[in-house]
């Protein structure tokens, strides 16, 4: 393996994990809207506002659904 690959691979991996952190948190917490959070994160995460909104959505507690 090339020495530069050994140097840069952790940075790209860390960046990938940080970019998709809201999705990872939502999946770990078994959120109802994990797919929606993934789509918001994927399409608008680069704007940083979309990333923050997805992160807040991922850590927010789900409101129980009332069954009538």
C-alpha atoms as a PDB file:
ATOM      1  CA  UNK A   1       0.000   0.000   0.000  1.00  0.00           C
ATOM      2  CA  UNK A   2       1.216   3.461  -0.846  1.00  0.00           C
ATOM      3  CA  UNK A   3       2.368   5.563   2.152  1.00  0.00           C
ATOM      4  CA  UNK A   4       0.048   8.429   1.213  1.00  0.00           C
ATOM      5  CA  UNK A   5      -2.913   6.047   1.199  1.00  0.00           C
ATOM      6  CA  UNK A   6      -2.092   5.030   4.751  1.00  0.00           C
ATOM      7  CA  UNK A   7      -1.996   8.716   5.714  1.00  0.00           C
ATOM      8  CA  UNK A   8      -5.161   9.901   3.917  1.00  0.00           C
ATOM      9  CA  UNK A   9      -7.435   6.877   4.404  1.00  0.00           C
ATOM     10  CA  UNK A  10      -8.222   7.657   8.076  1.00  0.00           C
ATOM     11  CA  UNK A  11      -9.085  11.262   7.181  1.00  0.00           C
ATOM     12  CA  UNK A  12     -11.547  10.202   4.478  1.00  0.00           C
ATOM     13  CA  UNK A  13     -13.046   7.571   6.758  1.00  0.00           C
ATOM     14  CA  UNK A  14     -13.392  10.087   9.592  1.00  0.00           C
ATOM     15  CA  UNK A  15     -14.973  12.614   7.226  1.00  0.00           C
ATOM     16  CA  UNK A  16     -17.455  10.029   5.948  1.00  0.00           C
ATOM     17  CA  UNK A  17     -18.458   9.076   9.499  1.00  0.00           C
ATOM     18  CA  UNK A  18     -18.796  12.715  10.543  1.00  0.00           C
ATOM     19  CA  UNK A  19     -20.901  13.575   7.476  1.00  0.00           C
ATOM     20  CA  UNK A  20     -23.316  10.709   8.143  1.00  0.00           C
ATOM     21  CA  UNK A  21     -23.264  11.043  11.942  1.00  0.00           C
ATOM     22  CA  UNK A  22     -26.966  12.085  12.127  1.00  0.00           C
ATOM     23  CA  UNK A  23     -27.937   8.992  10.126  1.00  0.00           C
ATOM     24  CA  UNK A  24     -25.754   6.742  12.274  1.00  0.00           C
ATOM     25  CA  UNK A  25     -27.298   8.165  15.457  1.00  0.00           C
ATOM     26  CA  UNK A  26     -30.832   7.773  14.076  1.00  0.00           C
ATOM     27  CA  UNK A  27     -30.168   4.157  13.120  1.00  0.00           C
ATOM     28  CA  UNK A  28     -28.613   3.389  16.510  1.00  0.00           C
ATOM     29  CA  UNK A  29     -31.633   4.886  18.288  1.00  0.00           C
ATOM     30  CA  UNK A  30     -34.126   3.038  16.007  1.00  0.00           C
ATOM     31  CA  UNK A  31     -35.858   6.260  14.992  1.00  0.00           C
ATOM     32  CA  UNK A  32     -39.116   6.009  13.032  1.00  0.00           C
ATOM     33  CA  UNK A  33     -37.846   8.545  10.485  1.00  0.00           C
ATOM     34  CA  UNK A  34     -34.381   7.079   9.862  1.00  0.00           C
ATOM     35  CA  UNK A  35     -34.928   7.023   6.092  1.00  0.00           C
ATOM     36  CA  UNK A  36     -36.038  10.661   6.040  1.00  0.00           C
ATOM     37  CA  UNK A  37     -33.044  11.639   8.165  1.00  0.00           C
ATOM     38  CA  UNK A  38     -30.759   9.742   5.768  1.00  0.00           C
ATOM     39  CA  UNK A  39     -32.235  11.548   2.754  1.00  0.00           C
ATOM     40  CA  UNK A  40     -31.991  14.964   4.424  1.00  0.00           C
ATOM     41  CA  UNK A  41     -28.425  14.203   5.478  1.00  0.00           C
ATOM     42  CA  UNK A  42     -27.448  12.920   2.030  1.00  0.00           C
ATOM     43  CA  UNK A  43     -28.960  15.742  -0.030  1.00  0.00           C
ATOM     44  CA  UNK A  44     -28.627  18.756   2.296  1.00  0.00           C
ATOM     45  CA  UNK A  45     -25.901  17.745   4.749  1.00  0.00           C
ATOM     46  CA  UNK A  46     -23.277  19.625   2.733  1.00  0.00           C
ATOM     47  CA  UNK A  47     -25.056  22.922   3.520  1.00  0.00           C
ATOM     48  CA  UNK A  48     -24.227  22.481   7.218  1.00  0.00           C
ATOM     49  CA  UNK A  49     -27.714  23.786   8.051  1.00  0.00           C
ATOM     50  CA  UNK A  50     -29.160  20.533   6.705  1.00  0.00           C
ATOM     51  CA  UNK A  51     -26.579  18.593   8.710  1.00  0.00           C
ATOM     52  CA  UNK A  52     -27.500  20.391  11.949  1.00  0.00           C
ATOM     53  CA  UNK A  53     -31.235  19.897  11.304  1.00  0.00           C
ATOM     54  CA  UNK A  54     -30.658  16.184  10.647  1.00  0.00           C
ATOM     55  CA  UNK A  55     -28.558  15.885  13.814  1.00  0.00           C
ATOM     56  CA  UNK A  56     -31.208  17.579  15.969  1.00  0.00           C
ATOM     57  CA  UNK A  57     -33.890  15.389  14.390  1.00  0.00           C
ATOM     58  CA  UNK A  58     -31.804  12.284  15.095  1.00  0.00           C
ATOM     59  CA  UNK A  59     -31.261  13.035  18.788  1.00  0.00           C
ATOM     60  CA  UNK A  60     -34.782  14.300  19.465  1.00  0.00           C
ATOM     61  CA  UNK A  61     -37.029  11.852  21.304  1.00  0.00           C
ATOM     62  CA  UNK A  62     -39.893  10.389  19.273  1.00  0.00           C
ATOM     63  CA  UNK A  63     -43.352  11.385  20.443  1.00  0.00           C
ATOM     64  CA  UNK A  64     -45.473   8.283  21.029  1.00  0.00           C
ATOM     65  CA  UNK A  65     -48.187   7.762  18.434  1.00  0.00           C
ATOM     66  CA  UNK A  66     -51.678   7.857  19.964  1.00  0.00           C
ATOM     67  CA  UNK A  67     -53.796   4.881  18.940  1.00  0.00           C
ATOM     68  CA  UNK A  68     -57.516   5.504  18.856  1.00  0.00           C
END
